[in-house]
C-alpha atoms as a PDB file:
ATOM      1  CA  LYS A   1    -146.880  41.113  38.669  1.00  0.00           C
ATOM      2  CA  SER A   2    -148.108  40.935  35.064  1.00  0.00           C
ATOM      3  CA  MET A   3    -146.156  37.789  34.203  1.00  0.00           C
ATOM      4  CA  ALA A   4    -148.259  34.706  33.464  1.00  0.00           C
ATOM      5  CA  LEU A   5    -148.205  32.169  36.279  1.00  0.00           C
ATOM      6  CA  LYS A   6    -145.475  29.561  35.913  1.00  0.00           C
ATOM      7  CA  THR A   7    -144.658  26.019  37.006  1.00  0.00           C
ATOM      8  CA  ILE A   8    -141.502  25.761  39.101  1.00  0.00           C
ATOM      9  CA  ALA A   9    -139.781  22.500  40.090  1.00  0.00           C
ATOM     10  CA  PHE A  10    -137.505  22.458  43.143  1.00  0.00           C
ATOM     11  CA  VAL A  11    -134.746  19.840  42.840  1.00  0.00           C
ATOM     12  CA  PRO A  12    -134.114  18.830  45.523  1.00  0.00           C
ATOM     13  CA  GLY A  13    -136.830  20.790  47.279  1.00  0.00           C
ATOM     14  CA  THR A  14    -136.733  19.780  50.930  1.00  0.00           C
ATOM     15  CA  GLY A  15    -133.908  21.999  52.189  1.00  0.00           C
ATOM     16  CA  ASN A  16    -134.723  25.095  54.230  1.00  0.00           C
ATOM     17  CA  MET A  17    -133.972  27.630  51.473  1.00  0.00           C
ATOM     18  CA  SER A  18    -135.860  25.637  48.845  1.00  0.00           C
ATOM     19  CA  VAL A  19    -138.890  25.261  51.112  1.00  0.00           C
ATOM     20  CA  GLN A  20    -139.022  28.988  51.821  1.00  0.00           C
ATOM     21  CA  LEU A  21    -138.740  29.799  48.121  1.00  0.00           C
ATOM     22  CA  ALA A  22    -141.436  27.238  47.343  1.00  0.00           C
ATOM     23  CA  LYS A  23    -143.713  29.059  49.796  1.00  0.00           C
ATOM     24  CA  LEU A  24    -142.781  32.401  48.235  1.00  0.00           C
ATOM     25  CA  PHE A  25    -143.602  31.394  44.674  1.00  0.00           C
ATOM     26  CA  ALA A  26    -146.675  29.353  45.606  1.00  0.00           C
ATOM     27  CA  SER A  27    -148.122  32.203  47.660  1.00  0.00           C
ATOM     28  CA  ASN A  28    -147.785  34.416  44.594  1.00  0.00           C
ATOM     29  CA  GLY A  29    -149.884  32.075  42.482  1.00  0.00           C
ATOM     30  CA  HIS A  30    -147.273  29.941  40.751  1.00  0.00           C
ATOM     31  CA  SER A  31    -147.528  26.141  40.624  1.00  0.00           C
ATOM     32  CA  VAL A  32    -144.784  24.495  42.646  1.00  0.00           C
ATOM     33  CA  ARG A  33    -143.402  20.966  42.492  1.00  0.00           C
ATOM     34  CA  ILE A  34    -141.151  19.731  45.290  1.00  0.00           C
ATOM     35  CA  GLY A  35    -138.680  16.961  44.579  1.00  0.00           C
ATOM     36  CA  SER A  36    -136.617  14.593  46.691  1.00  0.00           C
ATOM     37  CA  ARG A  37    -134.737  11.338  46.230  1.00  0.00           C
ATOM     38  CA  ASP A  38    -137.301   9.985  48.690  1.00  0.00           C
ATOM     39  CA  PRO A  39    -140.832  10.744  47.383  1.00  0.00           C
ATOM     40  CA  SER A  40    -142.291  10.387  50.890  1.00  0.00           C
ATOM     41  CA  LYS A  41    -139.999  13.177  52.122  1.00  0.00           C
ATOM     42  CA  ALA A  42    -141.141  15.363  49.243  1.00  0.00           C
ATOM     43  CA  LEU A  43    -144.783  14.728  50.127  1.00  0.00           C
ATOM     44  CA  ASP A  44    -144.114  15.537  53.781  1.00  0.00           C
ATOM     45  CA  THR A  45    -142.683  18.878  52.641  1.00  0.00           C
ATOM     46  CA  VAL A  46    -145.696  19.472  50.412  1.00  0.00           C
ATOM     47  CA  ARG A  47    -148.005  18.960  53.400  1.00  0.00           C
ATOM     48  CA  ALA A  48    -145.944  21.384  55.469  1.00  0.00           C
ATOM     49  CA  VAL A  49    -146.156  24.060  52.768  1.00  0.00           C
ATOM     50  CA  LEU A  50    -149.882  23.536  52.304  1.00  0.00           C
ATOM     51  CA  ALA A  51    -150.395  23.809  56.054  1.00  0.00           C
ATOM     52  CA  ASP A  52    -149.099  27.389  55.845  1.00  0.00           C
ATOM     53  CA  TYR A  53    -150.583  28.174  52.428  1.00  0.00           C
ATOM     54  CA  PRO A  54    -153.615  25.902  51.977  1.00  0.00           C
ATOM     55  CA  GLU A  55    -154.970  27.541  48.809  1.00  0.00           C
ATOM     56  CA  THR A  56    -151.789  27.119  46.784  1.00  0.00           C
ATOM     57  CA  LYS A  57    -150.823  24.687  44.014  1.00  0.00           C
ATOM     58  CA  VAL A  58    -148.087  22.497  45.475  1.00  0.00           C
ATOM     59  CA  THR A  59    -147.288  18.890  44.561  1.00  0.00           C
ATOM     60  CA  GLY A  60    -144.293  16.624  45.080  1.00  0.00           C
ATOM     61  CA  GLY A  61    -142.519  13.443  44.120  1.00  0.00           C
ATOM     62  CA  GLU A  62    -139.206  11.907  43.139  1.00  0.00           C
ATOM     63  CA  ASN A  63    -136.685  14.447  41.793  1.00  0.00           C
ATOM     64  CA  HIS A  64    -136.614  13.234  38.198  1.00  0.00           C
ATOM     65  CA  GLU A  65    -140.316  12.474  37.941  1.00  0.00           C
ATOM     66  CA  ILE A  66    -141.527  15.991  38.770  1.00  0.00           C
ATOM     67  CA  ILE A  67    -139.808  17.490  35.702  1.00  0.00           C
ATOM     68  CA  ASP A  68    -141.747  17.433  32.426  1.00  0.00           C
ATOM     69  CA  ASP A  69    -142.592  19.741  29.524  1.00  0.00           C
ATOM     70  CA  LYS A  70    -144.942  21.800  31.704  1.00  0.00           C
ATOM     71  CA  VAL A  71    -142.091  22.942  33.973  1.00  0.00           C
ATOM     72  CA  ASP A  72    -141.003  26.500  33.155  1.00  0.00           C
ATOM     73  CA  PHE A  73    -138.196  26.848  35.718  1.00  0.00           C
ATOM     74  CA  ILE A  74    -136.101  24.482  37.814  1.00  0.00           C
ATOM     75  CA  VAL A  75    -134.633  25.652  41.115  1.00  0.00           C
ATOM     76  CA  TRP A  76    -131.408  23.795  41.904  1.00  0.00           C
ATOM     77  CA  GLY A  77    -130.607  23.889  45.614  1.00  0.00           C
ATOM     78  CA  PRO A  78    -128.650  20.843  46.821  1.00  0.00           C
ATOM     79  CA  SER A  79    -126.376  20.815  49.862  1.00  0.00           C
ATOM     80  CA  GLY A  80    -123.360  18.708  50.711  1.00  0.00           C
ATOM     81  CA  PRO A  81    -119.877  18.393  49.163  1.00  0.00           C
ATOM     82  CA  LEU A  82    -119.460  19.669  45.607  1.00  0.00           C
ATOM     83  CA  GLU A  83    -118.446  16.227  44.371  1.00  0.00           C
ATOM     84  CA  ASP A  84    -121.716  14.731  45.610  1.00  0.00           C
ATOM     85  CA  ARG A  85    -123.725  17.578  44.129  1.00  0.00           C
ATOM     86  CA  ASN A  86    -122.017  17.184  40.751  1.00  0.00           C
ATOM     87  CA  SER A  87    -122.671  13.449  40.762  1.00  0.00           C
ATOM     88  CA  LEU A  88    -126.355  14.123  41.420  1.00  0.00           C
ATOM     89  CA  LEU A  89    -126.494  16.841  38.777  1.00  0.00           C
ATOM     90  CA  LYS A  90    -125.168  14.525  36.075  1.00  0.00           C
ATOM     91  CA  THR A  91    -128.213  12.286  36.526  1.00  0.00           C
ATOM     92  CA  PHE A  92    -130.439  15.137  35.278  1.00  0.00           C
ATOM     93  CA  GLU A  93    -128.836  15.524  31.843  1.00  0.00           C
ATOM     94  CA  LYS A  94    -132.090  14.666  30.054  1.00  0.00           C
ATOM     95  CA  GLU A  95    -134.468  16.517  32.391  1.00  0.00           C
ATOM     96  CA  PHE A  96    -132.444  19.754  32.598  1.00  0.00           C
ATOM     97  CA  ALA A  97    -131.620  20.030  28.876  1.00  0.00           C
ATOM     98  CA  HIS A  98    -132.715  23.446  27.532  1.00  0.00           C
ATOM     99  CA  LYS A  99    -134.537  24.265  30.783  1.00  0.00           C
ATOM    100  CA  ILE A 100    -133.929  27.503  32.695  1.00  0.00           C
ATOM    101  CA  VAL A 101    -132.272  26.455  35.949  1.00  0.00           C
ATOM    102  CA  ILE A 102    -132.175  28.942  38.820  1.00  0.00           C
ATOM    103  CA  ASP A 103    -129.134  28.028  40.889  1.00  0.00           C
ATOM    104  CA  ILE A 104    -129.389  28.947  44.577  1.00  0.00           C
ATOM    105  CA  SER A 105    -126.499  26.707  45.642  1.00  0.00           C
ATOM    106  CA  ASN A 106    -123.100  28.065  46.623  1.00  0.00           C
ATOM    107  CA  ILE A 107    -119.524  26.933  46.918  1.00  0.00           C
ATOM    108  CA  VAL A 108    -119.562  26.798  50.712  1.00  0.00           C
ATOM    109  CA  TYR A 109    -118.386  23.165  50.732  1.00  0.00           C
ATOM    110  CA  LEU A 110    -115.358  23.749  48.484  1.00  0.00           C
ATOM    111  CA  GLN A 111    -112.387  22.068  50.144  1.00  0.00           C
ATOM    112  CA  LYS A 112    -109.708  24.373  48.674  1.00  0.00           C
ATOM    113  CA  PRO A 113    -110.043  27.879  50.168  1.00  0.00           C
ATOM    114  CA  GLU A 114    -107.503  29.253  47.675  1.00  0.00           C
ATOM    115  CA  GLN A 115    -110.140  28.766  44.962  1.00  0.00           C
ATOM    116  CA  TYR A 116    -112.656  31.132  46.581  1.00  0.00           C
ATOM    117  CA  GLY A 117    -113.353  33.916  44.095  1.00  0.00           C
ATOM    118  CA  THR A 118    -111.839  32.026  41.157  1.00  0.00           C
ATOM    119  CA  THR A 119    -114.990  30.089  40.327  1.00  0.00           C
ATOM    120  CA  SER A 120    -118.531  29.621  41.601  1.00  0.00           C
ATOM    121  CA  ALA A 121    -120.987  26.811  42.195  1.00  0.00           C
ATOM    122  CA  THR A 122    -123.057  27.970  39.226  1.00  0.00           C
ATOM    123  CA  GLU A 123    -120.073  28.018  36.870  1.00  0.00           C
ATOM    124  CA  ILE A 124    -119.146  24.506  37.982  1.00  0.00           C
ATOM    125  CA  ASN A 125    -122.738  23.448  37.368  1.00  0.00           C
ATOM    126  CA  GLN A 126    -122.662  24.979  33.891  1.00  0.00           C
ATOM    127  CA  VAL A 127    -119.540  22.997  33.019  1.00  0.00           C
ATOM    128  CA  THR A 128    -121.081  19.830  34.443  1.00  0.00           C
ATOM    129  CA  LEU A 129    -124.385  20.259  32.569  1.00  0.00           C
ATOM    130  CA  PRO A 130    -123.902  22.785  29.740  1.00  0.00           C
ATOM    131  CA  SER A 131    -127.218  21.946  28.055  1.00  0.00           C
ATOM    132  CA  ALA A 132    -129.130  23.686  30.873  1.00  0.00           C
ATOM    133  CA  ARG A 133    -129.712  27.445  30.853  1.00  0.00           C
ATOM    134  CA  TRP A 134    -128.078  28.501  34.137  1.00  0.00           C
ATOM    135  CA  VAL A 135    -129.026  31.620  36.070  1.00  0.00           C
ATOM    136  CA  CYS A 136    -127.765  32.297  39.593  1.00  0.00           C
ATOM    137  CA  ALA A 137    -130.131  34.047  41.980  1.00  0.00           C
ATOM    138  CA  PHE A 138    -130.951  34.449  45.683  1.00  0.00           C
ATOM    139  CA  LYS A 139    -127.285  33.895  46.625  1.00  0.00           C
ATOM    140  CA  LEU A 140    -127.370  36.695  49.202  1.00  0.00           C
ATOM    141  CA  ILE A 141    -130.878  36.147  50.537  1.00  0.00           C
ATOM    142  CA  TRP A 142    -131.132  34.274  53.845  1.00  0.00           C
ATOM    143  CA  ALA A 143    -133.842  31.637  54.188  1.00  0.00           C
ATOM    144  CA  ALA A 144    -135.144  33.559  57.209  1.00  0.00           C
ATOM    145  CA  ILE A 145    -136.088  36.594  55.069  1.00  0.00           C
ATOM    146  CA  VAL A 146    -137.339  34.890  51.897  1.00  0.00           C
ATOM    147  CA  LEU A 147    -140.932  35.551  52.965  1.00  0.00           C
ATOM    148  CA  GLN A 148    -140.114  39.170  53.774  1.00  0.00           C
ATOM    149  CA  PRO A 149    -139.420  40.696  50.336  1.00  0.00           C
ATOM    150  CA  ILE A 150    -140.142  44.218  51.582  1.00  0.00           C
ATOM    151  CA  SER A 151    -137.701  45.837  54.001  1.00  0.00           C
ATOM    152  CA  GLU A 152    -138.158  49.346  55.406  1.00  0.00           C
ATOM    153  CA  GLY A 153    -140.750  50.121  52.763  1.00  0.00           C
ATOM    154  CA  ARG A 154    -138.814  48.996  49.712  1.00  0.00           C
ATOM    155  CA  PRO A 155    -138.238  45.668  47.919  1.00  0.00           C
ATOM    156  CA  ARG A 156    -135.111  43.730  48.807  1.00  0.00           C
ATOM    157  CA  ASP A 157    -132.694  43.178  45.912  1.00  0.00           C
ATOM    158  CA  VAL A 158    -132.108  39.729  44.409  1.00  0.00           C
ATOM    159  CA  GLN A 159    -128.893  39.709  42.393  1.00  0.00           C
ATOM    160  CA  ILE A 160    -129.096  37.620  39.223  1.00  0.00           C
ATOM    161  CA  ALA A 161    -126.277  36.684  36.842  1.00  0.00           C
ATOM    162  CA  SER A 162    -126.126  34.593  33.692  1.00  0.00           C
ATOM    163  CA  ASP A 163    -124.485  34.302  30.287  1.00  0.00           C
ATOM    164  CA  ASP A 164    -127.946  33.579  28.830  1.00  0.00           C
ATOM    165  CA  VAL A 165    -129.547  36.999  28.374  1.00  0.00           C
ATOM    166  CA  GLU A 166    -133.050  35.720  27.596  1.00  0.00           C
ATOM    167  CA  ALA A 167    -133.043  33.238  30.482  1.00  0.00           C
ATOM    168  CA  LYS A 168    -131.907  35.987  32.846  1.00  0.00           C
ATOM    169  CA  LYS A 169    -134.724  38.229  31.606  1.00  0.00           C
ATOM    170  CA  GLN A 170    -137.305  35.530  32.285  1.00  0.00           C
ATOM    171  CA  VAL A 171    -135.932  34.879  35.769  1.00  0.00           C
ATOM    172  CA  ALA A 172    -136.034  38.628  36.483  1.00  0.00           C
ATOM    173  CA  GLU A 173    -139.696  38.721  35.460  1.00  0.00           C
ATOM    174  CA  LEU A 174    -140.432  35.734  37.689  1.00  0.00           C
ATOM    175  CA  ILE A 175    -138.707  37.302  40.694  1.00  0.00           C
ATOM    176  CA  ALA A 176    -140.599  40.548  40.155  1.00  0.00           C
ATOM    177  CA  THR A 177    -143.891  38.708  40.756  1.00  0.00           C
ATOM    178  CA  THR A 178    -142.824  38.067  44.365  1.00  0.00           C
ATOM    179  CA  ASN A 179    -142.239  41.728  45.391  1.00  0.00           C
ATOM    180  CA  PHE A 180    -138.470  41.206  45.433  1.00  0.00           C
ATOM    181  CA  HIS A 181    -136.488  43.497  43.133  1.00  0.00           C
ATOM    182  CA  PRO A 182    -134.450  41.624  40.494  1.00  0.00           C
ATOM    183  CA  MET A 183    -131.015  43.197  40.068  1.00  0.00           C
ATOM    184  CA  ASP A 184    -129.088  42.220  36.934  1.00  0.00           C
ATOM    185  CA  VAL A 185    -125.437  42.149  37.977  1.00  0.00           C
ATOM    186  CA  GLY A 186    -124.045  40.832  34.709  1.00  0.00           C
ATOM    187  CA  GLU A 187    -122.555  37.660  33.311  1.00  0.00           C
ATOM    188  CA  LEU A 188    -122.241  34.383  35.184  1.00  0.00           C
ATOM    189  CA  TYR A 189    -118.687  34.979  36.411  1.00  0.00           C
ATOM    190  CA  VAL A 190    -120.110  37.631  38.755  1.00  0.00           C
ATOM    191  CA  ALA A 191    -121.462  34.723  40.830  1.00  0.00           C
ATOM    192  CA  ARG A 192    -117.913  34.307  42.158  1.00  0.00           C
ATOM    193  CA  GLY A 193    -118.116  37.655  43.896  1.00  0.00           C
ATOM    194  CA  LEU A 194    -121.603  36.970  45.215  1.00  0.00           C
ATOM    195  CA  GLU A 195    -120.476  33.716  46.813  1.00  0.00           C
ATOM    196  CA  VAL A 196    -117.446  35.387  48.402  1.00  0.00           C
ATOM    197  CA  MET A 197    -119.781  38.051  49.809  1.00  0.00           C
ATOM    198  CA  LEU A 198    -121.991  35.292  51.205  1.00  0.00           C
ATOM    199  CA  LYS A 199    -119.069  33.767  53.070  1.00  0.00           C
ATOM    200  CA  MET A 200    -118.154  37.118  54.549  1.00  0.00           C
ATOM    201  CA  MET A 201    -121.769  37.560  55.674  1.00  0.00           C
ATOM    202  CA  VAL A 202    -121.795  34.099  57.269  1.00  0.00           C
ATOM    203  CA  ASN A 203    -118.523  34.784  59.084  1.00  0.00           C
ATOM    204  CA  ALA A 204    -119.902  38.062  60.418  1.00  0.00           C
ATOM    205  CA  GLU A 205    -123.005  36.325  61.731  1.00  0.00           C
ATOM    206  CA  MET A 206    -121.008  33.573  63.402  1.00  0.00           C
ATOM    207  CA  VAL A 207    -118.988  36.023  65.486  1.00  0.00           C
ATOM    208  CA  ASN A 208    -121.936  38.329  66.258  1.00  0.00           C
ATOM    209  CA  LYS A 209    -123.201  37.544  69.767  1.00  0.00           C
ATOM    210  CA  GLU A 210    -126.573  39.059  68.891  1.00  0.00           C
ATOM    211  CA  SER A 211    -127.049  36.746  65.903  1.00  0.00           C
ATOM    212  CA  PRO A 212    -128.970  33.443  66.070  1.00  0.00           C
ATOM    213  CA  TYR A 213    -126.049  31.985  64.070  1.00  0.00           C
ATOM    214  CA  TYR A 214    -123.451  32.920  66.711  1.00  0.00           C
ATOM    215  CA  GLN A 215    -120.957  30.185  67.605  1.00  0.00           C
ATOM    216  CA  LYS A 216    -118.943  30.616  70.816  1.00  0.00           C
ATOM    217  CA  LYS A 217    -116.199  28.407  69.437  1.00  0.00           C
ATOM    218  CA  CYS A 218    -116.299  29.122  65.723  1.00  0.00           C
ATOM    219  CA  SER A 219    -114.147  26.592  63.882  1.00  0.00           C
ATOM    220  CA  PHE A 220    -116.101  27.009  60.613  1.00  0.00           C
ATOM    221  CA  ARG A 221    -114.347  29.923  58.900  1.00  0.00           C
ATOM    222  CA  TYR A 222    -113.849  30.744  55.222  1.00  0.00           C
ATOM    223  CA  PHE A 223    -111.010  33.250  55.425  1.00  0.00           C
END
């Protein structure tokens, strides 16, 4: 935990995974900014985070307005169809340029199952906005365990992949401040395998009667 404290912008930052990560980083001393298309929604999320962690540095506002030169990392975590996400991403060409972007999104909404394993959400993002420094991380961490970095006495692994070696190193150092264990799994194409693994994990949960994600009539299947 020797890394200097950083400023992290969550764009958008009101989804469940983003909120849990915001709590994780804020509770470890980092400054967090939560973004939304609707600034009032961002501020509602800020209040919810501060209710759980009142001594932390958390602010919020419109997605584009929370990003400035003081931001060290951007966490990209949109939901919805890939086409909608790409359209949103293109509006950040100026703000994301040369910034390290930690991509926690996945390809779950891809409409062509035959493409699973041939690309990844992060690779698509890199093509859409190549000026950003893309690093994928937290792909296999459930929102429910984000605030539980230690499991059975040891840190949980967070797989990270990127073609930008220096950006990946900085993200690894950031993750290490949270008690998670950063695991460098290689270049960005490895994200394809991580996202396929995620889908297998989701499928397993949906058919597990003991899981809170169990669906008696499961029509949402990846394979």
